[in-house]
């Protein structure tokens, strides 16, 4: 393989009787491709290059681009591809892996879905690749990605710990890969999560010894993401509790736990009242034997002394409602709505004030869904004057809940 690649860097190459067109990095060339024709470009990169961006612009029609690192790409086997429709520009951003060779080659295939002229541009960044180290616990980072762009992170892991890395999409479709002891890439990983858009990604790994853990986030489409990570211990007492409560059951809501609509997932609520301050925690427990884990997903302190907190079942949605009561079971002073499909707090409602002198401190409240689970309706009555208030929320898109109306109805 080394001899072949050295030959590639020295003279034009033949692939299926098609010549490779030699091209320098940080340069641009004009070309033309017929319909169904393929043209190949060979770019020899500097050994200092850690990132390469390849663009296809000035298109007359629909042309696609496929790229291989040190190997010719194919439509279904490549290191990066861009296949936009019509005359939209194509772009690939690649992280160049460390290599034993003194240089790295990119092979670019231009595929003429339609006949078109084009401009091919290649730019590189030299120096040491930036891998952001995450030092705080729990792990947390946010970022934006262009299509096919990578961002990389690392953290120091401890022997015996299971780490759960999650990626909320926020917008677009990012993908997640995790590797122990070595940089994670598209083709090098111990765990990958490649869900479609509007679904969160999750990877779980366990360390046999202290080691560095590497995280790669790739933009399958242009994306904004939130990266989180927690370390958990297997055999937690909550796993045993969750198995007892919810094994072979689904979508069951009790006061302090819910067997999720998601298979093998149980949410358990712990509450405590100390020194006049009420606190509740919600844990997400995976009881699948292969990936048993526990992690805290909500933690809230309220500066009063309510009686207790419990889950609310919201029909036809993936929302868990959390109701905190004061003095009586029907007096809501606080609401959280947690979206199980993306594993995050979606809507926080503070209907009522906590001070006794505030207008709604003695109000009763309810929360329910209407219109086949597309509308969340909350109502609250002021006991002193009997006024009934109603709020309506559009929850068709759980990642972007919108207030429809807020009014006094009685």
Protein backbone atom coordinates (compact mmCIF):
# COMPACT_ATOMS: atom_id res chain seq x y z
CA UNK A 1 0.00 0.00 0.00
CA UNK A 2 2.82 2.43 0.80
CA UNK A 3 4.50 1.84 -2.56
CA UNK A 4 1.22 2.39 -4.38
CA UNK A 5 0.55 5.66 -2.60
CA UNK A 6 4.07 6.92 -3.28
CA UNK A 7 3.50 6.17 -6.95
CA UNK A 8 0.21 8.07 -6.76
CA UNK A 9 1.98 11.17 -5.53
CA UNK A 10 4.59 11.06 -8.30
CA UNK A 11 2.73 10.51 -11.56
CA UNK A 12 -0.83 10.54 -12.95
CA UNK A 13 -2.68 7.35 -12.00
CA UNK A 14 -5.19 5.21 -13.81
CA UNK A 15 -8.40 3.90 -12.22
CA UNK A 16 -10.73 1.91 -14.45
CA UNK A 17 -8.90 3.55 -17.39
CA UNK A 18 -9.73 7.02 -16.01
CA UNK A 19 -6.74 9.39 -15.45
CA UNK A 20 -6.33 11.18 -12.14
CA UNK A 21 -5.99 14.92 -12.61
CA UNK A 22 -3.18 16.26 -10.42
CA UNK A 23 -4.04 19.26 -8.26
CA UNK A 24 -2.27 21.22 -5.53
CA UNK A 25 -3.77 21.98 -2.14
CA UNK A 26 -4.93 25.56 -1.54
CA UNK A 27 -5.63 25.88 -5.26
CA UNK A 28 -8.65 25.87 -7.59
CA UNK A 29 -9.32 24.48 -11.07
CA UNK A 30 -12.14 24.72 -13.60
CA UNK A 31 -13.60 21.62 -15.17
CA UNK A 32 -16.52 20.11 -17.07
CA UNK A 33 -18.29 16.78 -16.66
CA UNK A 34 -20.85 15.13 -18.93
CA UNK A 35 -23.99 13.47 -17.63
CA UNK A 36 -23.11 10.15 -15.90
CA UNK A 37 -19.39 10.91 -16.35
CA UNK A 38 -16.93 10.63 -13.43
CA UNK A 39 -13.72 12.62 -13.10
CA UNK A 40 -11.04 12.02 -10.47
CA UNK A 41 -8.63 14.51 -8.89
CA UNK A 42 -5.55 13.65 -6.84
CA UNK A 43 -4.42 16.17 -4.21
CA UNK A 44 -1.24 15.57 -2.20
CA UNK A 45 -1.52 17.30 1.19
CA UNK A 46 1.24 18.61 3.37
CA UNK A 47 2.14 16.42 6.36
CA UNK A 48 1.22 19.43 8.51
CA UNK A 49 -2.39 19.53 7.26
CA UNK A 50 -4.98 18.49 9.83
CA UNK A 51 -8.13 19.77 8.10
CA UNK A 52 -9.03 19.96 4.41
CA UNK A 53 -12.05 21.70 2.90
CA UNK A 54 -13.09 20.84 -0.66
CA UNK A 55 -15.71 22.93 -2.49
CA UNK A 56 -17.50 22.51 -5.81
CA UNK A 57 -18.94 25.84 -7.05
CA UNK A 58 -20.16 27.66 -10.18
CA UNK A 59 -22.37 24.75 -11.22
CA UNK A 60 -24.66 24.81 -14.25
CA UNK A 61 -26.57 21.69 -13.18
CA UNK A 62 -26.64 18.91 -10.57
CA UNK A 63 -23.15 17.52 -9.85
CA UNK A 64 -22.09 15.45 -6.80
CA UNK A 65 -18.74 15.05 -5.05
CA UNK A 66 -17.17 12.05 -3.24
CA UNK A 67 -13.81 12.03 -1.43
CA UNK A 68 -11.48 9.31 -0.15
CA UNK A 69 -8.44 9.74 2.11
CA UNK A 70 -5.54 7.77 0.60
CA UNK A 71 -7.96 5.66 -1.42
CA UNK A 72 -10.28 6.23 -4.39
CA UNK A 73 -13.85 6.92 -3.23
CA UNK A 74 -16.99 5.17 -4.34
CA UNK A 75 -20.58 6.35 -4.06
CA UNK A 76 -21.26 3.96 -1.17
CA UNK A 77 -17.74 3.87 0.32
CA UNK A 78 -16.01 7.17 1.01
CA UNK A 79 -14.70 9.46 3.75
CA UNK A 80 -16.97 12.34 2.81
CA UNK A 81 -19.57 13.13 0.20
CA UNK A 82 -21.77 16.06 -0.80
CA UNK A 83 -24.81 15.43 -3.00
CA UNK A 84 -26.99 18.53 -2.99
CA UNK A 85 -29.73 18.97 -5.56
CA UNK A 86 -29.73 21.22 -8.63
CA UNK A 87 -26.98 23.87 -8.78
CA UNK A 88 -26.36 24.19 -5.05
CA UNK A 89 -22.65 24.25 -4.13
CA UNK A 90 -21.09 21.05 -2.79
CA UNK A 91 -18.73 21.10 0.19
CA UNK A 92 -16.77 18.58 2.29
CA UNK A 93 -14.65 19.28 5.37
CA UNK A 94 -12.38 16.42 6.43
CA UNK A 95 -10.23 15.84 9.50
CA UNK A 96 -6.96 14.30 8.33
CA UNK A 97 -5.89 11.38 10.56
CA UNK A 98 -2.33 10.96 11.77
CA UNK A 99 -0.46 8.68 9.36
CA UNK A 100 2.80 6.79 9.27
CA UNK A 101 3.36 8.23 5.82
CA UNK A 102 5.03 11.57 5.29
CA UNK A 103 2.06 12.81 3.28
CA UNK A 104 -1.66 12.24 2.82
CA UNK A 105 -3.59 12.12 -0.46
CA UNK A 106 -7.15 13.12 -1.19
CA UNK A 107 -8.90 11.49 -4.13
CA UNK A 108 -11.90 13.54 -5.28
CA UNK A 109 -14.53 12.03 -7.57
CA UNK A 110 -16.82 14.43 -9.47
CA UNK A 111 -19.99 12.62 -10.52
CA UNK A 112 -22.06 14.20 -13.28
CA UNK A 113 -25.64 13.60 -12.30
CA UNK A 114 -26.21 16.16 -15.07
CA UNK A 115 -23.80 17.76 -17.55
CA UNK A 116 -22.17 20.79 -15.97
CA UNK A 117 -19.13 23.02 -15.66
CA UNK A 118 -17.67 23.58 -12.19
CA UNK A 119 -14.89 25.09 -10.09
CA UNK A 120 -13.08 22.77 -7.67
CA UNK A 121 -11.35 24.44 -4.70
CA UNK A 122 -9.18 22.85 -1.99
CA UNK A 123 -7.99 24.58 1.17
CA UNK A 124 -6.16 23.16 4.19
CA UNK A 125 -5.33 24.19 7.74
CA UNK A 126 -1.90 23.34 9.08
CA UNK A 127 -0.72 22.81 12.62
CA UNK A 128 -1.88 20.68 15.51
CA UNK A 129 -5.53 19.70 15.31
CA UNK A 130 -7.72 21.30 17.94
CA UNK A 131 -9.31 18.76 20.29
CA UNK A 132 -11.16 20.53 23.09
CA UNK A 133 -10.60 18.92 26.47
CA UNK A 134 -13.64 18.74 28.74
CA UNK A 135 -12.57 18.99 32.37
CA UNK A 136 -15.75 19.84 34.27
CA UNK A 137 -18.25 17.19 35.43
CA UNK A 138 -20.79 16.49 34.16
CA UNK A 139 -19.35 16.97 30.67
CA UNK A 140 -20.95 19.77 28.68
CA UNK A 141 -20.31 21.53 25.37
CA UNK A 142 -22.30 23.22 22.61
CA UNK A 143 -21.39 23.83 18.99
CA UNK A 144 -22.37 24.54 15.40
CA UNK A 145 -21.43 22.41 12.41
CA UNK A 146 -21.57 22.85 8.69
CA UNK A 147 -22.51 19.81 6.63
CA UNK A 148 -19.71 17.18 6.85
CA UNK A 149 -17.75 19.26 9.39
CA UNK A 150 -16.21 17.59 12.47
CA UNK A 151 -15.61 18.82 15.99
CA UNK A 152 -13.56 16.80 18.45
CA UNK A 153 -13.44 16.57 22.24
CA UNK A 154 -11.62 14.50 24.85
CA UNK A 155 -11.80 13.87 28.58
CA UNK A 156 -9.92 11.86 31.17
CA UNK A 157 -11.85 8.73 32.19
CA UNK A 158 -11.51 6.56 35.28
CA UNK A 159 -11.15 2.80 35.55
CA UNK A 160 -14.45 0.96 36.09
CA UNK A 161 -16.62 3.94 35.19
CA UNK A 162 -19.37 3.71 32.59
CA UNK A 163 -19.71 6.93 30.63
CA UNK A 164 -22.88 7.91 28.81
CA UNK A 165 -22.37 10.55 26.11
CA UNK A 166 -25.48 12.18 24.67
CA UNK A 167 -25.99 14.58 21.79
CA UNK A 168 -29.18 16.59 21.49
CA UNK A 169 -29.81 17.70 17.92
CA UNK A 170 -31.32 21.16 18.72
CA UNK A 171 -31.32 21.72 14.96
CA UNK A 172 -30.09 19.68 12.00
CA UNK A 173 -28.70 16.14 12.19
CA UNK A 174 -25.34 15.68 13.98
CA UNK A 175 -23.82 12.21 14.52
CA UNK A 176 -21.76 10.93 17.45
CA UNK A 177 -18.71 8.64 17.68
CA UNK A 178 -16.66 7.78 20.79
CA UNK A 179 -13.26 6.06 21.06
CA UNK A 180 -11.17 5.04 24.09
CA UNK A 181 -7.47 5.97 24.01
CA UNK A 182 -7.42 7.24 20.43
CA UNK A 183 -9.05 9.98 18.37
CA UNK A 184 -12.55 9.07 17.20
CA UNK A 185 -13.20 9.41 13.45
CA UNK A 186 -15.78 8.32 10.90
CA UNK A 187 -14.07 4.93 10.60
CA UNK A 188 -12.43 4.61 14.04
CA UNK A 189 -14.70 4.30 17.07
CA UNK A 190 -15.79 2.06 19.94
CA UNK A 191 -19.35 3.38 19.85
CA UNK A 192 -21.33 5.28 17.25
CA UNK A 193 -24.83 6.75 17.18
CA UNK A 194 -26.18 7.78 13.79
CA UNK A 195 -29.87 8.45 14.34
CA UNK A 196 -31.89 10.44 11.85
CA UNK A 197 -32.78 14.11 12.36
CA UNK A 198 -34.94 15.07 15.37
CA UNK A 199 -33.61 12.19 17.49
CA UNK A 200 -30.95 12.45 20.18
CA UNK A 201 -27.74 10.43 19.94
CA UNK A 202 -26.27 8.34 22.77
CA UNK A 203 -23.10 6.30 23.28
CA UNK A 204 -22.18 4.22 26.32
CA UNK A 205 -18.66 2.95 27.09
CA UNK A 206 -16.97 1.35 30.12
CA UNK A 207 -13.26 1.80 30.91
CA UNK A 208 -11.13 -1.16 31.97
CA UNK A 209 -8.38 1.24 33.04
CA UNK A 210 -7.76 4.98 33.37
CA UNK A 211 -7.66 6.40 29.86
CA UNK A 212 -8.43 9.37 27.64
CA UNK A 213 -11.82 9.21 25.90
CA UNK A 214 -12.26 10.93 22.52
CA UNK A 215 -15.55 12.23 21.11
CA UNK A 216 -16.24 13.09 17.47
CA UNK A 217 -19.31 15.11 16.45
CA UNK A 218 -19.98 15.15 12.70
CA UNK A 219 -22.51 17.27 10.85
CA UNK A 220 -24.51 14.92 8.65
CA UNK A 221 -26.36 18.14 7.92
CA UNK A 222 -25.76 21.69 9.11
CA UNK A 223 -26.41 21.41 12.84
CA UNK A 224 -26.45 23.04 16.26
CA UNK A 225 -25.96 20.57 19.13
CA UNK A 226 -25.65 20.17 22.89
CA UNK A 227 -23.14 17.56 24.08
CA UNK A 228 -23.49 16.07 27.58
CA UNK A 229 -21.69 13.29 29.40
CA UNK A 230 -21.99 11.62 32.79
CA UNK A 231 -20.15 8.86 34.58
CA UNK A 232 -22.27 6.23 36.26
CA UNK A 233 -21.68 3.05 38.24
CA UNK A 234 -23.31 -0.23 37.34
CA UNK A 235 -25.31 -2.00 40.03
CA UNK A 236 -26.83 1.20 41.35
CA UNK A 237 -29.70 0.56 43.75
CA UNK A 238 -31.99 2.48 41.41
CA UNK A 239 -31.40 -0.11 38.67
CA UNK A 240 -32.70 -2.84 40.99
CA UNK A 241 -35.60 -0.61 41.96
CA UNK A 242 -36.43 0.16 38.32
CA UNK A 243 -36.35 -3.50 37.32
CA UNK A 244 -38.75 -4.34 40.11
CA UNK A 245 -41.12 -1.55 39.13
CA UNK A 246 -41.12 -1.79 35.37
CA UNK A 247 -39.77 -5.04 33.93
CA UNK A 248 -42.11 -6.23 31.15
CA UNK A 249 -44.31 -3.16 31.58
CA UNK A 250 -44.60 0.01 29.50
CA UNK A 251 -46.13 3.46 29.67
CA UNK A 252 -47.15 3.10 33.33
CA UNK A 253 -47.19 6.25 35.45
CA UNK A 254 -47.16 6.15 39.23
CA UNK A 255 -46.66 8.97 41.68
CA UNK A 256 -42.87 8.65 41.86
CA UNK A 257 -41.94 6.68 38.72
CA UNK A 258 -42.88 6.21 35.09
CA UNK A 259 -42.19 3.18 32.89
CA UNK A 260 -41.37 5.04 29.69
CA UNK A 261 -42.87 4.51 26.25
CA UNK A 262 -39.22 4.00 25.31
CA UNK A 263 -38.26 0.35 25.84
CA UNK A 264 -36.17 -0.43 28.95
CA UNK A 265 -36.23 3.16 30.23
CA UNK A 266 -37.62 4.06 33.67
CA UNK A 267 -37.81 7.53 35.22
CA UNK A 268 -37.68 7.64 39.03
CA UNK A 269 -38.27 10.73 41.17
CA UNK A 270 -36.64 11.30 44.55
CA UNK A 271 -37.96 14.08 46.78
CA UNK A 272 -36.78 15.53 50.08
CA UNK A 273 -37.65 18.39 52.39
CA UNK A 274 -34.77 19.81 54.41
CA UNK A 275 -34.59 23.04 56.42
CA UNK A 276 -37.74 24.36 54.80
CA UNK A 277 -36.47 23.87 51.24
CA UNK A 278 -38.08 21.29 48.98
CA UNK A 279 -35.91 19.47 46.42
CA UNK A 280 -36.67 16.87 43.78
CA UNK A 281 -34.41 14.87 41.45
CA UNK A 282 -35.43 12.83 38.42
CA UNK A 283 -33.25 9.92 37.27
CA UNK A 284 -33.29 8.19 33.89
CA UNK A 285 -32.62 4.48 34.41
CA UNK A 286 -31.80 2.07 31.58
CA UNK A 287 -32.59 -1.51 32.67
CA UNK A 288 -31.33 -3.18 29.48
CA UNK A 289 -28.81 -5.77 30.80
CA UNK A 290 -26.25 -4.77 28.16
CA UNK A 291 -26.22 -1.05 29.04
CA UNK A 292 -27.54 -0.73 32.58
CA UNK A 293 -27.07 2.86 33.69
CA UNK A 294 -28.44 5.66 35.85
CA UNK A 295 -28.15 9.39 35.30
CA UNK A 296 -29.78 12.44 36.78
CA UNK A 297 -31.77 14.44 34.23
CA UNK A 298 -33.61 16.98 36.39
CA UNK A 299 -32.76 18.59 39.71
CA UNK A 300 -34.87 21.41 41.13
CA UNK A 301 -35.05 23.26 44.43
CA UNK A 302 -38.10 25.28 45.44
CA UNK A 303 -37.93 27.75 48.30
CA UNK A 304 -41.09 26.62 50.11
CA UNK A 305 -42.48 23.53 51.81
CA UNK A 306 -44.87 21.74 49.45
CA UNK A 307 -46.29 18.37 50.39
CA UNK A 308 -44.74 16.30 47.59
CA UNK A 309 -44.06 15.99 43.85
CA UNK A 310 -45.39 13.46 41.37
CA UNK A 311 -45.45 12.63 37.67
CA UNK A 312 -48.34 13.59 35.40
CA UNK A 313 -49.26 11.38 32.45
CA UNK A 314 -49.85 13.47 29.34
CA UNK A 315 -51.78 11.43 26.79
CA UNK A 316 -50.51 11.05 23.21
CA UNK A 317 -47.20 12.81 23.90
CA UNK A 318 -43.66 11.97 24.94
CA UNK A 319 -43.80 14.52 27.75
CA UNK A 320 -43.50 13.77 31.43
CA UNK A 321 -45.25 16.39 33.53
CA UNK A 322 -43.90 16.98 37.03
CA UNK A 323 -46.32 18.54 39.51
CA UNK A 324 -45.23 19.99 42.82
CA UNK A 325 -47.99 20.52 45.37
CA UNK A 326 -48.39 22.75 48.37
CA UNK A 327 -50.87 22.01 51.16
CA UNK A 328 -53.20 19.97 48.94
CA UNK A 329 -52.79 17.57 46.04
CA UNK A 330 -54.57 19.82 43.55
CA UNK A 331 -52.67 23.06 44.20
CA UNK A 332 -49.94 23.40 41.58
CA UNK A 333 -47.12 25.81 42.30
CA UNK A 334 -44.61 24.49 39.78
CA UNK A 335 -44.48 22.48 36.57
CA UNK A 336 -41.70 20.94 34.49
CA UNK A 337 -42.36 19.12 31.24
CA UNK A 338 -39.62 16.78 30.20
CA UNK A 339 -39.39 15.39 26.64
CA UNK A 340 -38.45 11.71 26.73
CA UNK A 341 -37.75 11.58 22.99
CA UNK A 342 -34.78 13.95 23.21
CA UNK A 343 -34.13 13.57 26.94
CA UNK A 344 -34.29 17.20 28.03
CA UNK A 345 -36.42 19.75 29.85
CA UNK A 346 -38.77 21.13 27.21
CA UNK A 347 -41.15 23.48 28.98
CA UNK A 348 -40.93 25.10 32.39
CA UNK A 349 -44.15 26.66 33.73
CA UNK A 350 -44.44 28.70 36.88
CA UNK A 351 -48.18 29.29 37.01
CA UNK A 352 -48.34 30.49 40.57
CA UNK A 353 -46.38 32.57 43.02
CA UNK A 354 -45.14 31.08 46.27
CA UNK A 355 -45.65 34.01 48.66
CA UNK A 356 -48.94 34.00 50.56
CA UNK A 357 -49.62 37.60 49.56
CA UNK A 358 -49.26 36.95 45.84
CA UNK A 359 -52.44 36.84 43.69
CA UNK A 360 -52.40 33.14 42.85
CA UNK A 361 -50.79 31.61 45.92
CA UNK A 362 -53.94 29.57 46.65
CA UNK A 363 -54.83 28.57 43.10
CA UNK A 364 -55.75 25.09 41.92
CA UNK A 365 -54.36 23.91 38.59
CA UNK A 366 -54.58 21.15 36.01
CA UNK A 367 -52.58 20.12 32.96
CA UNK A 368 -53.92 18.00 30.09
CA UNK A 369 -53.54 17.49 26.35
CA UNK A 370 -56.27 18.05 23.78
CA UNK A 371 -56.58 17.79 19.99
CA UNK A 372 -54.96 14.32 19.87
CA UNK A 373 -51.97 15.39 21.91
CA UNK A 374 -51.11 18.47 19.83
CA UNK A 375 -52.25 21.08 22.36
CA UNK A 376 -51.29 21.34 26.05
CA UNK A 377 -53.96 23.07 28.14
CA UNK A 378 -53.23 24.34 31.62
CA UNK A 379 -55.92 25.87 33.84
CA UNK A 380 -55.69 27.52 37.24
CA UNK A 381 -58.40 28.93 39.50
CA UNK A 382 -57.85 31.67 42.04
CA UNK A 383 -59.71 30.39 45.11
CA UNK A 384 -60.24 33.83 46.65
CA UNK A 385 -62.12 35.38 43.72
CA UNK A 386 -63.01 32.29 41.63
CA UNK A 387 -61.40 33.50 38.38
CA UNK A 388 -60.46 30.69 35.98
CA UNK A 389 -57.42 31.17 33.76
CA UNK A 390 -56.37 29.05 30.77
CA UNK A 391 -53.08 28.76 28.85
CA UNK A 392 -52.81 26.86 25.56
CA UNK A 393 -49.49 25.62 24.14
CA UNK A 394 -48.76 24.18 20.70
CA UNK A 395 -46.73 21.00 21.37
CA UNK A 396 -46.69 19.42 17.90
CA UNK A 397 -42.98 20.23 17.78
CA UNK A 398 -41.68 19.39 21.26
CA UNK A 399 -38.35 21.10 20.60
CA UNK A 400 -40.13 24.39 19.92
CA UNK A 401 -43.23 24.67 22.14
CA UNK A 402 -45.18 27.86 21.49
CA UNK A 403 -47.68 29.68 23.71
CA UNK A 404 -50.92 30.03 21.71
CA UNK A 405 -53.03 32.01 24.15
CA UNK A 406 -53.27 33.10 27.79
CA UNK A 407 -56.62 34.36 29.05
CA UNK A 408 -59.17 34.50 31.81
CA UNK A 409 -62.09 32.30 30.78
CA UNK A 410 -64.42 32.51 33.78
